[in-house]
Amino acid sequence: RVHIRPNYINLKGDGRAERNSVTGMDGIGCSKYYSTYGKGGLTGGLMVLWCTHSVCYGFHCIPRGEGHDDVFSALYCYFERMPRKFIYDFACALAPYCMAREPDLFRNTLCICDKFHGSNHSSCSDACMMTNYIKTDPSLDKYNSSAAESGNSAMARIRKSMSYMTQRHAIIFVQVFLSLWNRVKQRRMHDSL
């Protein structure tokens, strides 16, 4: 770990799931909501951090359900310097969440909704949509904004096996799977050069 996540006592509800199950809104106008997580004794699962080549940087166990606190905590705890660009399907909420807690640390991070999910955020600000940034900075179009989706689909291969494991064994299993996944990806990238 690089940092230990502090409690922000002056921010109401800090560290709790940010979703409102009644309205499906998170307080900023975004309707992204995961009502299926946390039901039937299930955990929230894993959040995997991917580069745009679908190479895994790391993973974070989610106790209840995906939310911006999980992403913020993973970035804050495990990255010495924040990435310059962070492509995430819920970037509309992540950027203000991070800036309210650590504005100096995240001051140079651009949080962008990927192209695929951006169209589902019709009530969110255009300021977080990758398609709008590409209009002014065409170099952003070279990034595979769906890399996380393809990486996460690979994680579906091991989901059932993990569900029968203890947490300790599941974490070891995921770590081995992702190490092998990364090695294959890196060899393919090297071979294509």
N, C-alpha and C. Protein backbone atom coordinates (compact mmCIF):
# COMPACT_ATOMS: atom_id res chain seq x y z
N ARG A 1 0.83 -1.20 0.00
CA ARG A 1 0.00 0.00 0.00
C ARG A 1 0.86 1.25 0.00
N VAL A 2 0.39 2.24 -0.72
CA VAL A 2 1.07 3.51 -0.75
C VAL A 2 0.49 4.43 0.32
N HIS A 3 -0.82 4.47 0.42
CA HIS A 3 -1.53 5.31 1.39
C HIS A 3 -2.57 4.46 2.14
N ILE A 4 -2.91 4.89 3.32
CA ILE A 4 -4.05 4.34 4.05
C ILE A 4 -5.20 5.31 3.84
N ARG A 5 -6.35 4.79 3.42
CA ARG A 5 -7.49 5.68 3.14
C ARG A 5 -7.99 6.32 4.43
N PRO A 6 -7.98 7.65 4.48
CA PRO A 6 -8.49 8.32 5.68
C PRO A 6 -10.02 8.38 5.67
N ASN A 7 -10.58 8.70 6.82
CA ASN A 7 -12.01 9.00 6.90
C ASN A 7 -12.16 10.50 6.78
N TYR A 8 -13.06 10.92 5.95
CA TYR A 8 -13.32 12.35 5.74
C TYR A 8 -14.55 12.69 6.57
N ILE A 9 -14.34 12.98 7.84
CA ILE A 9 -15.44 13.14 8.79
C ILE A 9 -16.36 14.31 8.46
N ASN A 10 -15.87 15.28 7.71
CA ASN A 10 -16.69 16.43 7.36
C ASN A 10 -17.56 16.19 6.12
N LEU A 11 -17.40 15.03 5.49
CA LEU A 11 -18.22 14.69 4.33
C LEU A 11 -19.25 13.66 4.75
N LYS A 12 -20.50 14.05 4.71
CA LYS A 12 -21.60 13.19 5.15
C LYS A 12 -21.64 11.89 4.35
N GLY A 13 -21.71 10.77 5.04
CA GLY A 13 -21.82 9.48 4.39
C GLY A 13 -20.56 8.99 3.72
N ASP A 14 -19.41 9.57 4.06
CA ASP A 14 -18.17 9.16 3.41
C ASP A 14 -17.90 7.68 3.62
N GLY A 15 -17.52 6.99 2.55
CA GLY A 15 -17.15 5.59 2.63
C GLY A 15 -18.31 4.62 2.51
N ARG A 16 -19.53 5.11 2.50
CA ARG A 16 -20.69 4.22 2.35
C ARG A 16 -21.09 4.12 0.89
N ALA A 17 -21.89 3.09 0.59
CA ALA A 17 -22.40 2.94 -0.78
C ALA A 17 -23.19 4.20 -1.13
N GLU A 18 -23.00 4.67 -2.33
CA GLU A 18 -23.55 5.98 -2.73
C GLU A 18 -24.88 5.88 -3.45
N ARG A 19 -25.42 4.71 -3.58
CA ARG A 19 -26.61 4.54 -4.39
C ARG A 19 -27.89 4.70 -3.60
N ASN A 20 -28.89 5.24 -4.24
CA ASN A 20 -30.20 5.42 -3.63
C ASN A 20 -31.13 4.40 -4.28
N SER A 21 -31.54 3.40 -3.50
CA SER A 21 -32.33 2.31 -4.06
C SER A 21 -33.75 2.72 -4.42
N VAL A 22 -34.22 3.82 -3.90
CA VAL A 22 -35.60 4.24 -4.19
C VAL A 22 -35.68 4.93 -5.54
N THR A 23 -34.81 5.89 -5.78
CA THR A 23 -34.88 6.65 -7.02
C THR A 23 -33.94 6.14 -8.08
N GLY A 24 -32.91 5.38 -7.67
CA GLY A 24 -31.92 4.94 -8.64
C GLY A 24 -30.95 6.05 -9.00
N MET A 25 -31.00 7.16 -8.30
CA MET A 25 -30.10 8.28 -8.58
C MET A 25 -29.07 8.37 -7.47
N ASP A 26 -27.88 8.85 -7.80
CA ASP A 26 -26.81 8.88 -6.82
C ASP A 26 -26.60 10.26 -6.20
N GLY A 27 -27.44 11.21 -6.47
CA GLY A 27 -27.30 12.53 -5.89
C GLY A 27 -26.68 13.54 -6.83
N ILE A 28 -26.12 13.09 -7.95
CA ILE A 28 -25.55 14.04 -8.91
C ILE A 28 -26.33 14.02 -10.22
N GLY A 29 -27.40 13.25 -10.27
CA GLY A 29 -28.23 13.20 -11.46
C GLY A 29 -27.98 11.98 -12.34
N CYS A 30 -27.04 11.15 -11.95
CA CYS A 30 -26.73 9.96 -12.75
C CYS A 30 -27.61 8.80 -12.30
N SER A 31 -28.12 8.05 -13.27
CA SER A 31 -29.03 6.96 -12.94
C SER A 31 -28.34 5.60 -12.89
N LYS A 32 -27.01 5.57 -12.97
CA LYS A 32 -26.31 4.28 -12.87
C LYS A 32 -26.54 3.73 -11.47
N TYR A 33 -26.99 2.50 -11.43
CA TYR A 33 -27.33 1.91 -10.13
C TYR A 33 -27.25 0.41 -10.23
N TYR A 34 -26.64 -0.22 -9.25
CA TYR A 34 -26.51 -1.67 -9.25
C TYR A 34 -27.38 -2.25 -8.15
N SER A 35 -28.62 -2.54 -8.44
CA SER A 35 -29.54 -3.05 -7.43
C SER A 35 -29.32 -4.53 -7.15
N THR A 36 -28.63 -5.24 -8.04
CA THR A 36 -28.46 -6.68 -7.85
C THR A 36 -27.32 -7.02 -6.91
N TYR A 37 -26.39 -6.11 -6.70
CA TYR A 37 -25.28 -6.41 -5.81
C TYR A 37 -25.75 -6.44 -4.36
N GLY A 38 -25.11 -7.26 -3.58
CA GLY A 38 -25.40 -7.31 -2.15
C GLY A 38 -26.64 -8.13 -1.82
N LYS A 39 -27.27 -8.76 -2.79
CA LYS A 39 -28.45 -9.57 -2.52
C LYS A 39 -28.05 -11.02 -2.32
N GLY A 40 -28.82 -11.74 -1.56
CA GLY A 40 -28.60 -13.16 -1.38
C GLY A 40 -27.27 -13.50 -0.75
N GLY A 41 -26.73 -12.60 0.07
CA GLY A 41 -25.47 -12.87 0.74
C GLY A 41 -24.25 -12.75 -0.15
N LEU A 42 -24.42 -12.26 -1.38
CA LEU A 42 -23.29 -12.14 -2.29
C LEU A 42 -22.47 -10.90 -1.95
N THR A 43 -21.18 -10.97 -2.22
CA THR A 43 -20.34 -9.79 -2.05
C THR A 43 -20.51 -8.92 -3.28
N GLY A 44 -19.89 -7.78 -3.26
CA GLY A 44 -19.93 -6.88 -4.41
C GLY A 44 -19.05 -7.35 -5.55
N GLY A 45 -18.15 -8.28 -5.27
CA GLY A 45 -17.30 -8.81 -6.33
C GLY A 45 -15.92 -8.19 -6.36
N LEU A 46 -15.38 -8.06 -7.56
CA LEU A 46 -14.04 -7.51 -7.77
C LEU A 46 -14.12 -6.30 -8.69
N MET A 47 -13.27 -5.35 -8.43
CA MET A 47 -13.07 -4.26 -9.37
C MET A 47 -11.64 -4.42 -9.85
N VAL A 48 -11.46 -4.58 -11.15
CA VAL A 48 -10.14 -4.78 -11.72
C VAL A 48 -9.74 -3.51 -12.46
N LEU A 49 -8.52 -3.07 -12.24
CA LEU A 49 -7.99 -1.89 -12.93
C LEU A 49 -7.20 -2.36 -14.15
N TRP A 50 -7.62 -1.90 -15.33
CA TRP A 50 -7.03 -2.32 -16.59
C TRP A 50 -6.39 -1.14 -17.30
N CYS A 51 -5.31 -1.38 -18.02
CA CYS A 51 -4.79 -0.36 -18.92
C CYS A 51 -5.57 -0.48 -20.23
N THR A 52 -5.31 0.40 -21.18
CA THR A 52 -6.07 0.38 -22.43
C THR A 52 -5.67 -0.78 -23.34
N HIS A 53 -4.71 -1.60 -22.92
CA HIS A 53 -4.34 -2.80 -23.67
C HIS A 53 -4.94 -4.05 -23.01
N SER A 54 -5.82 -3.87 -22.04
CA SER A 54 -6.45 -4.95 -21.26
C SER A 54 -5.44 -5.73 -20.43
N VAL A 55 -4.40 -5.05 -19.98
CA VAL A 55 -3.46 -5.62 -19.03
C VAL A 55 -3.90 -5.15 -17.65
N CYS A 56 -3.95 -6.08 -16.71
CA CYS A 56 -4.43 -5.76 -15.36
C CYS A 56 -3.34 -5.09 -14.54
N TYR A 57 -3.68 -3.95 -13.92
CA TYR A 57 -2.77 -3.27 -12.99
C TYR A 57 -2.96 -3.78 -11.57
N GLY A 58 -4.14 -4.26 -11.27
CA GLY A 58 -4.45 -4.75 -9.93
C GLY A 58 -5.94 -4.93 -9.78
N PHE A 59 -6.33 -5.45 -8.62
CA PHE A 59 -7.75 -5.63 -8.37
C PHE A 59 -8.06 -5.28 -6.92
N HIS A 60 -9.33 -5.02 -6.68
CA HIS A 60 -9.80 -4.56 -5.38
C HIS A 60 -11.06 -5.34 -5.06
N CYS A 61 -11.13 -5.94 -3.88
CA CYS A 61 -12.33 -6.66 -3.45
C CYS A 61 -13.39 -5.65 -3.01
N ILE A 62 -14.58 -5.81 -3.54
CA ILE A 62 -15.68 -4.90 -3.22
C ILE A 62 -16.60 -5.59 -2.22
N PRO A 63 -16.78 -5.00 -1.03
CA PRO A 63 -17.58 -5.67 -0.01
C PRO A 63 -19.08 -5.74 -0.30
N ARG A 64 -19.67 -4.66 -0.83
CA ARG A 64 -21.13 -4.64 -1.00
C ARG A 64 -21.55 -4.47 -2.44
N GLY A 65 -21.15 -3.45 -3.09
CA GLY A 65 -21.54 -3.18 -4.47
C GLY A 65 -20.68 -2.07 -5.02
N GLU A 66 -20.51 -2.07 -6.31
CA GLU A 66 -19.63 -1.09 -6.94
C GLU A 66 -20.12 0.32 -6.67
N GLY A 67 -19.20 1.17 -6.36
CA GLY A 67 -19.49 2.59 -6.16
C GLY A 67 -18.21 3.39 -6.30
N HIS A 68 -18.34 4.70 -6.36
CA HIS A 68 -17.14 5.50 -6.56
C HIS A 68 -16.19 5.42 -5.38
N ASP A 69 -16.67 5.09 -4.18
CA ASP A 69 -15.74 4.95 -3.06
C ASP A 69 -14.76 3.80 -3.27
N ASP A 70 -15.23 2.72 -3.90
CA ASP A 70 -14.34 1.59 -4.18
C ASP A 70 -13.24 1.99 -5.15
N VAL A 71 -13.60 2.71 -6.20
CA VAL A 71 -12.61 3.15 -7.19
C VAL A 71 -11.67 4.15 -6.56
N PHE A 72 -12.22 5.13 -5.84
CA PHE A 72 -11.39 6.12 -5.16
C PHE A 72 -10.41 5.44 -4.21
N SER A 73 -10.91 4.51 -3.39
CA SER A 73 -10.05 3.83 -2.41
C SER A 73 -8.94 3.04 -3.09
N ALA A 74 -9.27 2.33 -4.17
CA ALA A 74 -8.24 1.56 -4.89
C ALA A 74 -7.17 2.48 -5.45
N LEU A 75 -7.58 3.57 -6.07
CA LEU A 75 -6.60 4.52 -6.62
C LEU A 75 -5.77 5.16 -5.51
N TYR A 76 -6.45 5.63 -4.48
CA TYR A 76 -5.78 6.33 -3.39
C TYR A 76 -4.78 5.42 -2.66
N CYS A 77 -5.19 4.20 -2.38
CA CYS A 77 -4.35 3.30 -1.58
C CYS A 77 -3.18 2.71 -2.35
N TYR A 78 -3.32 2.49 -3.64
CA TYR A 78 -2.32 1.72 -4.37
C TYR A 78 -1.53 2.48 -5.42
N PHE A 79 -1.88 3.72 -5.70
CA PHE A 79 -1.14 4.49 -6.68
C PHE A 79 -0.40 5.63 -6.00
N GLU A 80 0.88 5.72 -6.24
CA GLU A 80 1.66 6.82 -5.68
C GLU A 80 1.28 8.14 -6.37
N ARG A 81 1.18 8.07 -7.70
CA ARG A 81 0.71 9.21 -8.49
C ARG A 81 -0.54 8.77 -9.23
N MET A 82 -1.50 9.64 -9.30
CA MET A 82 -2.74 9.30 -9.99
C MET A 82 -2.52 9.31 -11.50
N PRO A 83 -3.26 8.46 -12.22
CA PRO A 83 -3.13 8.45 -13.68
C PRO A 83 -3.58 9.79 -14.27
N ARG A 84 -2.99 10.15 -15.40
CA ARG A 84 -3.38 11.40 -16.07
C ARG A 84 -4.79 11.28 -16.66
N LYS A 85 -5.12 10.09 -17.16
CA LYS A 85 -6.45 9.84 -17.72
C LYS A 85 -6.98 8.57 -17.10
N PHE A 86 -8.23 8.63 -16.66
CA PHE A 86 -8.86 7.47 -16.05
C PHE A 86 -10.20 7.26 -16.74
N ILE A 87 -10.30 6.19 -17.50
CA ILE A 87 -11.51 5.89 -18.27
C ILE A 87 -12.35 4.91 -17.46
N TYR A 88 -13.57 5.32 -17.16
CA TYR A 88 -14.41 4.53 -16.26
C TYR A 88 -15.86 4.80 -16.62
N ASP A 89 -16.71 3.77 -16.55
CA ASP A 89 -18.10 3.94 -16.98
C ASP A 89 -18.93 4.80 -16.03
N PHE A 90 -18.37 5.17 -14.90
CA PHE A 90 -19.09 6.01 -13.92
C PHE A 90 -18.25 7.25 -13.57
N ALA A 91 -17.47 7.72 -14.56
CA ALA A 91 -16.56 8.84 -14.34
C ALA A 91 -17.30 10.13 -13.97
N CYS A 92 -18.55 10.24 -14.39
CA CYS A 92 -19.33 11.44 -14.09
C CYS A 92 -19.44 11.66 -12.59
N ALA A 93 -19.48 10.58 -11.82
CA ALA A 93 -19.56 10.68 -10.36
C ALA A 93 -18.19 10.56 -9.71
N LEU A 94 -17.27 9.85 -10.35
CA LEU A 94 -15.95 9.64 -9.76
C LEU A 94 -15.16 10.93 -9.63
N ALA A 95 -15.17 11.75 -10.65
CA ALA A 95 -14.38 12.98 -10.63
C ALA A 95 -14.76 13.89 -9.45
N PRO A 96 -16.03 14.23 -9.27
CA PRO A 96 -16.36 15.09 -8.12
C PRO A 96 -16.11 14.39 -6.78
N TYR A 97 -16.29 13.08 -6.74
CA TYR A 97 -16.05 12.33 -5.50
C TYR A 97 -14.58 12.43 -5.09
N CYS A 98 -13.69 12.22 -6.06
CA CYS A 98 -12.25 12.30 -5.78
C CYS A 98 -11.82 13.73 -5.45
N MET A 99 -12.32 14.68 -6.19
CA MET A 99 -11.91 16.08 -5.97
C MET A 99 -12.41 16.61 -4.63
N ALA A 100 -13.54 16.11 -4.15
CA ALA A 100 -14.04 16.55 -2.84
C ALA A 100 -13.17 16.02 -1.70
N ARG A 101 -12.43 14.94 -1.96
CA ARG A 101 -11.62 14.31 -0.91
C ARG A 101 -10.14 14.63 -1.03
N GLU A 102 -9.59 14.57 -2.21
CA GLU A 102 -8.16 14.77 -2.40
C GLU A 102 -7.89 15.62 -3.64
N PRO A 103 -8.25 16.91 -3.60
CA PRO A 103 -8.11 17.74 -4.81
C PRO A 103 -6.66 17.87 -5.28
N ASP A 104 -5.70 17.92 -4.37
CA ASP A 104 -4.30 18.03 -4.80
C ASP A 104 -3.82 16.77 -5.49
N LEU A 105 -4.21 15.63 -4.98
CA LEU A 105 -3.77 14.35 -5.53
C LEU A 105 -4.39 14.08 -6.90
N PHE A 106 -5.64 14.50 -7.10
CA PHE A 106 -6.35 14.22 -8.35
C PHE A 106 -6.41 15.43 -9.29
N ARG A 107 -5.67 16.47 -9.01
CA ARG A 107 -5.80 17.71 -9.78
C ARG A 107 -5.44 17.54 -11.26
N ASN A 108 -4.58 16.60 -11.59
CA ASN A 108 -4.18 16.40 -12.98
C ASN A 108 -4.81 15.16 -13.62
N THR A 109 -5.83 14.60 -12.96
CA THR A 109 -6.48 13.40 -13.49
C THR A 109 -7.77 13.78 -14.22
N LEU A 110 -7.84 13.33 -15.46
CA LEU A 110 -9.04 13.53 -16.25
C LEU A 110 -9.86 12.26 -16.18
N CYS A 111 -11.04 12.33 -15.56
CA CYS A 111 -11.94 11.17 -15.46
C CYS A 111 -12.92 11.23 -16.63
N ILE A 112 -12.92 10.18 -17.44
CA ILE A 112 -13.69 10.17 -18.68
C ILE A 112 -14.59 8.94 -18.74
N CYS A 113 -15.87 9.14 -19.12
CA CYS A 113 -16.77 8.01 -19.39
C CYS A 113 -16.39 7.42 -20.74
N ASP A 114 -16.24 6.11 -20.79
CA ASP A 114 -15.86 5.46 -22.04
C ASP A 114 -16.93 5.65 -23.11
N LYS A 115 -16.54 5.45 -24.35
CA LYS A 115 -17.46 5.67 -25.49
C LYS A 115 -18.70 4.80 -25.39
N PHE A 116 -18.54 3.54 -25.03
CA PHE A 116 -19.65 2.60 -24.99
C PHE A 116 -20.71 3.02 -23.96
N HIS A 117 -20.29 3.35 -22.75
CA HIS A 117 -21.23 3.68 -21.69
C HIS A 117 -21.68 5.14 -21.70
N GLY A 118 -20.94 5.99 -22.38
CA GLY A 118 -21.27 7.41 -22.39
C GLY A 118 -22.67 7.71 -22.86
N SER A 119 -23.16 6.95 -23.82
CA SER A 119 -24.52 7.21 -24.34
C SER A 119 -25.60 6.91 -23.32
N ASN A 120 -25.29 6.07 -22.32
CA ASN A 120 -26.26 5.76 -21.27
C ASN A 120 -26.33 6.84 -20.20
N HIS A 121 -25.44 7.79 -20.25
CA HIS A 121 -25.40 8.86 -19.25
C HIS A 121 -26.01 10.14 -19.83
N SER A 122 -27.22 10.05 -20.30
CA SER A 122 -27.85 11.18 -20.98
C SER A 122 -28.13 12.36 -20.06
N SER A 123 -28.26 12.13 -18.76
CA SER A 123 -28.53 13.25 -17.85
C SER A 123 -27.25 13.78 -17.21
N CYS A 124 -26.09 13.23 -17.58
CA CYS A 124 -24.82 13.65 -17.00
C CYS A 124 -24.17 14.73 -17.85
N SER A 125 -23.24 15.42 -17.26
CA SER A 125 -22.54 16.51 -17.94
C SER A 125 -21.71 16.00 -19.11
N ASP A 126 -21.69 16.78 -20.18
CA ASP A 126 -20.84 16.46 -21.32
C ASP A 126 -19.36 16.57 -20.96
N ALA A 127 -19.05 17.18 -19.83
CA ALA A 127 -17.67 17.41 -19.42
C ALA A 127 -16.93 16.13 -19.06
N CYS A 128 -17.63 15.01 -18.98
CA CYS A 128 -16.95 13.76 -18.64
C CYS A 128 -17.04 12.73 -19.76
N MET A 129 -17.50 13.12 -20.92
CA MET A 129 -17.71 12.15 -22.01
C MET A 129 -16.51 12.11 -22.95
N MET A 130 -15.99 10.93 -23.17
CA MET A 130 -14.83 10.75 -24.03
C MET A 130 -15.09 11.27 -25.44
N THR A 131 -16.30 11.04 -25.95
CA THR A 131 -16.61 11.49 -27.31
C THR A 131 -16.45 13.01 -27.45
N ASN A 132 -16.72 13.76 -26.40
CA ASN A 132 -16.55 15.22 -26.47
C ASN A 132 -15.07 15.61 -26.40
N TYR A 133 -14.29 14.91 -25.60
CA TYR A 133 -12.86 15.21 -25.52
C TYR A 133 -12.15 14.87 -26.83
N ILE A 134 -12.60 13.84 -27.51
CA ILE A 134 -11.98 13.47 -28.78
C ILE A 134 -12.14 14.58 -29.82
N LYS A 135 -13.23 15.33 -29.74
CA LYS A 135 -13.46 16.42 -30.69
C LYS A 135 -12.38 17.50 -30.57
N THR A 136 -11.87 17.72 -29.36
CA THR A 136 -10.84 18.74 -29.17
C THR A 136 -9.44 18.16 -29.08
N ASP A 137 -9.35 16.86 -28.76
CA ASP A 137 -8.05 16.18 -28.67
C ASP A 137 -8.17 14.82 -29.36
N PRO A 138 -8.01 14.80 -30.70
CA PRO A 138 -8.18 13.56 -31.45
C PRO A 138 -7.23 12.44 -31.01
N SER A 139 -6.15 12.75 -30.32
CA SER A 139 -5.22 11.70 -29.87
C SER A 139 -5.89 10.76 -28.87
N LEU A 140 -6.95 11.20 -28.21
CA LEU A 140 -7.67 10.33 -27.27
C LEU A 140 -8.38 9.18 -27.97
N ASP A 141 -8.63 9.35 -29.25
CA ASP A 141 -9.35 8.31 -29.99
C ASP A 141 -8.51 7.04 -30.15
N LYS A 142 -7.20 7.15 -29.94
CA LYS A 142 -6.33 5.97 -30.06
C LYS A 142 -6.49 5.01 -28.88
N TYR A 143 -7.05 5.50 -27.77
CA TYR A 143 -7.22 4.66 -26.60
C TYR A 143 -8.40 3.73 -26.77
N ASN A 144 -8.22 2.49 -26.39
CA ASN A 144 -9.31 1.53 -26.39
C ASN A 144 -10.12 1.76 -25.13
N SER A 145 -11.17 2.53 -25.24
CA SER A 145 -11.95 2.86 -24.04
C SER A 145 -12.79 1.69 -23.55
N SER A 146 -12.86 0.63 -24.32
CA SER A 146 -13.60 -0.57 -23.91
C SER A 146 -12.68 -1.68 -23.40
N ALA A 147 -11.43 -1.36 -23.14
CA ALA A 147 -10.47 -2.37 -22.67
C ALA A 147 -10.95 -3.02 -21.38
N ALA A 148 -11.52 -2.24 -20.49
CA ALA A 148 -12.01 -2.79 -19.22
C ALA A 148 -13.15 -3.76 -19.46
N GLU A 149 -14.00 -3.46 -20.43
CA GLU A 149 -15.12 -4.36 -20.73
C GLU A 149 -14.61 -5.71 -21.22
N SER A 150 -13.61 -5.71 -22.11
CA SER A 150 -13.10 -6.99 -22.61
C SER A 150 -12.35 -7.73 -21.50
N GLY A 151 -11.63 -6.99 -20.66
CA GLY A 151 -10.95 -7.63 -19.53
C GLY A 151 -11.94 -8.20 -18.53
N ASN A 152 -12.99 -7.45 -18.25
CA ASN A 152 -14.00 -7.92 -17.30
C ASN A 152 -14.76 -9.13 -17.84
N SER A 153 -14.93 -9.21 -19.16
CA SER A 153 -15.59 -10.39 -19.72
C SER A 153 -14.72 -11.63 -19.50
N ALA A 154 -13.42 -11.47 -19.49
CA ALA A 154 -12.53 -12.59 -19.18
C ALA A 154 -12.70 -13.04 -17.74
N MET A 155 -12.98 -12.11 -16.86
CA MET A 155 -13.18 -12.45 -15.45
C MET A 155 -14.42 -13.33 -15.27
N ALA A 156 -15.37 -13.23 -16.20
CA ALA A 156 -16.57 -14.06 -16.11
C ALA A 156 -16.23 -15.54 -16.20
N ARG A 157 -15.10 -15.86 -16.81
CA ARG A 157 -14.67 -17.26 -16.94
C ARG A 157 -14.41 -17.92 -15.59
N ILE A 158 -14.02 -17.12 -14.61
CA ILE A 158 -13.66 -17.70 -13.31
C ILE A 158 -14.67 -17.38 -12.22
N ARG A 159 -15.72 -16.67 -12.55
CA ARG A 159 -16.71 -16.24 -11.56
C ARG A 159 -17.33 -17.42 -10.80
N LYS A 160 -17.74 -18.44 -11.52
CA LYS A 160 -18.41 -19.57 -10.86
C LYS A 160 -17.44 -20.31 -9.94
N SER A 161 -16.23 -20.56 -10.40
CA SER A 161 -15.24 -21.24 -9.56
C SER A 161 -14.97 -20.46 -8.28
N MET A 162 -14.86 -19.14 -8.41
CA MET A 162 -14.59 -18.30 -7.25
C MET A 162 -15.72 -18.36 -6.22
N SER A 163 -16.94 -18.51 -6.69
CA SER A 163 -18.08 -18.48 -5.78
C SER A 163 -18.07 -19.63 -4.78
N TYR A 164 -17.29 -20.68 -5.07
CA TYR A 164 -17.21 -21.83 -4.17
C TYR A 164 -15.96 -21.79 -3.28
N MET A 165 -15.19 -20.73 -3.36
CA MET A 165 -13.92 -20.66 -2.62
C MET A 165 -14.04 -19.76 -1.40
N THR A 166 -13.13 -19.99 -0.46
CA THR A 166 -13.00 -19.04 0.65
C THR A 166 -12.40 -17.76 0.07
N GLN A 167 -12.50 -16.68 0.81
CA GLN A 167 -11.96 -15.41 0.32
C GLN A 167 -10.46 -15.52 0.04
N ARG A 168 -9.75 -16.16 0.94
CA ARG A 168 -8.29 -16.29 0.77
C ARG A 168 -7.96 -17.05 -0.51
N HIS A 169 -8.64 -18.18 -0.72
CA HIS A 169 -8.38 -18.96 -1.92
C HIS A 169 -8.82 -18.22 -3.19
N ALA A 170 -9.92 -17.51 -3.11
CA ALA A 170 -10.40 -16.75 -4.27
C ALA A 170 -9.40 -15.68 -4.67
N ILE A 171 -8.82 -14.99 -3.69
CA ILE A 171 -7.85 -13.94 -4.00
C ILE A 171 -6.60 -14.53 -4.65
N ILE A 172 -6.13 -15.66 -4.13
CA ILE A 172 -4.97 -16.33 -4.74
C ILE A 172 -5.30 -16.78 -6.16
N PHE A 173 -6.49 -17.34 -6.34
CA PHE A 173 -6.94 -17.81 -7.65
C PHE A 173 -6.99 -16.65 -8.65
N VAL A 174 -7.57 -15.52 -8.24
CA VAL A 174 -7.66 -14.35 -9.11
C VAL A 174 -6.26 -13.84 -9.44
N GLN A 175 -5.40 -13.80 -8.46
CA GLN A 175 -4.05 -13.29 -8.68
C GLN A 175 -3.30 -14.17 -9.71
N VAL A 176 -3.43 -15.48 -9.59
CA VAL A 176 -2.79 -16.38 -10.55
C VAL A 176 -3.41 -16.21 -11.94
N PHE A 177 -4.74 -16.17 -12.00
CA PHE A 177 -5.43 -16.01 -13.29
C PHE A 177 -4.98 -14.71 -13.98
N LEU A 178 -4.95 -13.60 -13.22
CA LEU A 178 -4.59 -12.32 -13.82
C LEU A 178 -3.11 -12.26 -14.19
N SER A 179 -2.26 -12.94 -13.45
CA SER A 179 -0.84 -13.00 -13.80
C SER A 179 -0.66 -13.71 -15.14
N LEU A 180 -1.34 -14.83 -15.30
CA LEU A 180 -1.29 -15.55 -16.58
C LEU A 180 -1.89 -14.72 -17.71
N TRP A 181 -3.03 -14.07 -17.43
CA TRP A 181 -3.69 -13.20 -18.41
C TRP A 181 -2.74 -12.10 -18.87
N ASN A 182 -2.09 -11.45 -17.91
CA ASN A 182 -1.15 -10.36 -18.25
C ASN A 182 0.01 -10.87 -19.08
N ARG A 183 0.53 -12.02 -18.72
CA ARG A 183 1.68 -12.57 -19.46
C ARG A 183 1.30 -12.85 -20.91
N VAL A 184 0.13 -13.42 -21.13
CA VAL A 184 -0.33 -13.69 -22.50
C VAL A 184 -0.50 -12.38 -23.26
N LYS A 185 -1.13 -11.40 -22.64
CA LYS A 185 -1.33 -10.09 -23.29
C LYS A 185 0.00 -9.44 -23.64
N GLN A 186 0.95 -9.47 -22.71
CA GLN A 186 2.24 -8.84 -22.94
C GLN A 186 3.02 -9.55 -24.05
N ARG A 187 2.95 -10.87 -24.09
CA ARG A 187 3.64 -11.61 -25.16
C ARG A 187 3.04 -11.28 -26.51
N ARG A 188 1.70 -11.18 -26.58
CA ARG A 188 1.05 -10.83 -27.84
C ARG A 188 1.44 -9.43 -28.29
N MET A 189 1.53 -8.49 -27.34
CA MET A 189 1.95 -7.13 -27.69
C MET A 189 3.40 -7.14 -28.18
N HIS A 190 4.26 -7.89 -27.52
CA HIS A 190 5.66 -7.98 -27.92
C HIS A 190 5.79 -8.61 -29.30
N ASP A 191 5.04 -9.68 -29.56
CA ASP A 191 5.10 -10.37 -30.84
C ASP A 191 4.60 -9.51 -31.99
N SER A 192 3.70 -8.57 -31.70
CA SER A 192 3.15 -7.73 -32.76
C SER A 192 4.06 -6.56 -33.12
N LEU A 193 5.12 -6.37 -32.35
CA LEU A 193 6.05 -5.25 -32.64
C LEU A 193 6.99 -5.55 -33.77
